[in-house]
């Protein structure tokens, strides 16, 4: 259906008394055979599905608001609204509703929203009939009027009757005329009564009354009445604020008078709701739901009118990006867009999509790059809020923009790098802006929102871009604060006390590094390939673990959490990297320095080793027991380290038994050799036992030498690498005990694996061994990696 008159948006009121969008479609009034009634039908414009089927009941009270809204209730807590694109369409459907109910289309509410049984009960009470009879609007009767208004608030039926009476007699304007008289006469008692009256009328919660009270010629008098709260010693000066302090700033002239009036009205009504009216009590929480709806639909209308005004938006963007624009002017322009984006949240998804696409086409993202680099803190804060709206709505749109930038810009001015630098340079001691910016970055680099089927390569392309152009900017503060030059290392070695001079002691710096580590920890878990390469190439984990010495425990915990997330992946590449760099040393030093204190740091470190034990990460267990068990064996308040030792011994026994089995498994022999073997069987058994005893020297040092020797033998048998094996053995022998060089020469798991390949000689596995040998010969990278 192409008729724009019938185009509507469907809203329902949720439990929080906020309007939820249900979609856009076209409305019609149709007789439904199944219900045997005339119904309002709304079919979605996207797929024709039925958004709404509502029977026009003769007893339902329909309200017409703001010329383009029809609101009604279908149940006690189920309110509906139709927002029409054009006034003509609203009038047409309103006439149909009035025709079904037998009402005059000139009314704005079809009838009193109470059922027949309630009407009967009301009619049975003789004292209720006079509730609709308002006293004459005179100064002497103000107390009586105030008592009447406040007395009806507890009864929905009485509120409806009073609202109808106020609307039919033009009573509101008469009351406001009395307000001016009371102010002229300085009649404080009368002004207090008028406060009670106007507040009570607002709590009647009727849109038709709001239309009168919030019109241009009435709203300031309404604000004036609300200044004279009897509970206050002196009246508030709200009118003075609205007329003198709060200035309406037009970044570019708004020629549309209707738009200007709507903006003024919305601001003032919002002020009444947020500032003037007291917080509603439990019994009053639903009294102002219609006021909230009034503001909501005003904002929808303002955004729609601004979005349709292409000339105005084009002029705003032109001034925003013009280098000649003054700073004050640019600040106003940015604040305009901030409010514009905030109002856009009232739009339904389809319209919001069109809204942000309009901003993108006009160049909002390049403009944000300019203003986010300005020195003005207010401008940067407003620009950050705008970027938050854009990222929340469509992170893919922002990613697409930044990936196009390197072709025409330097790394320093990339939008993401600008965001990172603003995060790093946040002057707020609590880093409020930095936290917000980190949330934006996290959303942008989160693979979970990169799974759009229309662009399956987005994840790969964007992560490659991010790690190439942006990651070094993000980690720069971390690397700078953990750098150790030769002079600093000398000072640390010469000093008798354990002091890390490069560890940041400034609280704000520590907070910033904690934020960066939180983001990097997220990357470890979600960017396994890219982050692994980055950590290996920059030796990042070693630099992070320098922070284990920080006096700020929260920062040490962040560094530990980073390592814990790496170990949690159970990736053997990471394990070999940790072993080669002897990276458990700062963690164990922190545990020992913590002493007997039972705190979060102590628990987190023990949990790390407990994870390694429970998951049986063999290479790490062997490394920890080999190098650190003597320092850890005195810790007996947990069984973690004894458990690691037990796992280690089990693995040693398993390897030893496997080696014995390999030696005992003889290969098939000829018959003529069998007799000779039988004759010397006893001698062979004794020799085997003696050899076995010699192999079982104190563990781990002899065991390592044994496995290293077997590795050399295997290399000599399988390929021309005996020279390399001798060099590796020599390097291992010359490494100092307990140093990272020793760990680098002897990674536990790869060595065991290589030795096993050389020792296994099952008769029925010859084909498998041949395949493994062929695979080793065809993969030149495998042997250097294992021997690294």
Foldseek 3Di string as FASTA:
>chain_A
DPPQLQKKWKWKQDPLLDTDTQAIFGWDFAQDPVVRATWIWGAHPPPRHTSDTGGLDLQWKWFAFPLFKIKTAPDPRIIMMIGGPDSVSVLVVLVVSCVVNVHDSVDRINDQNDDPVVVVVQVVDVVNVCLLPADPLDLVCLQVLLVSLVVCLVPLNSLSSNLVSCLVPVVLVSNLVVLVVCVVVVVLVSLQSLLSNLVSNLLSLDNSVVVVCLAPVHVLSSVVSLQNHVVDPHGDDPSCCLPPVDDDDDLDDDPPPVLVRLVSSLVSLVCCVPPRDDDDDPSRSPSNSSSSVVSLVSLVVNLVVVQVPVVSVLVLLVLLPDPPRDPVSNLVSLVVVLVSLVSLVSDDLVVSVVSVVSCVVSPLQVSLLVQCPDPDPSSVVSSLSNVVSVLVSPLPSVLVVLLPPVVPDDLCSRSLNSLLVCLVPPPPLVSPVNVSSLVSVCSNLACVRVPPPVCNCSNVSSVVVCLVRPPCSLCVLLCQLQDDDPVQVVVCVPDPDRDRPSHDQDPSSLVSLLSSLVSLLVCVQRVVPSSVVVCVVVVVLLSQLSNCPYPPVSSVVSSLSSVLSNVVVLDVVVVLSCLLQVVCVSLVVSLVVVPPDDDPSVVSSLVSLQVCLVVVSPLVLQSCCQQPLVVVVVPDPDCSSVSSVVSNVVVVVVLLVVLLVLVPDDDDDDPVCVVVCVVCVVVVVVVSVVVSVVQPDDPDPSVQVVLLVLLLVLCVVQHDCNVVSVVLVVQCVPDDGNHSSNSNQCRDPLSSVSSVLSRDDDPVCPVVNVVVSVVCVVDVPPVVVSRD
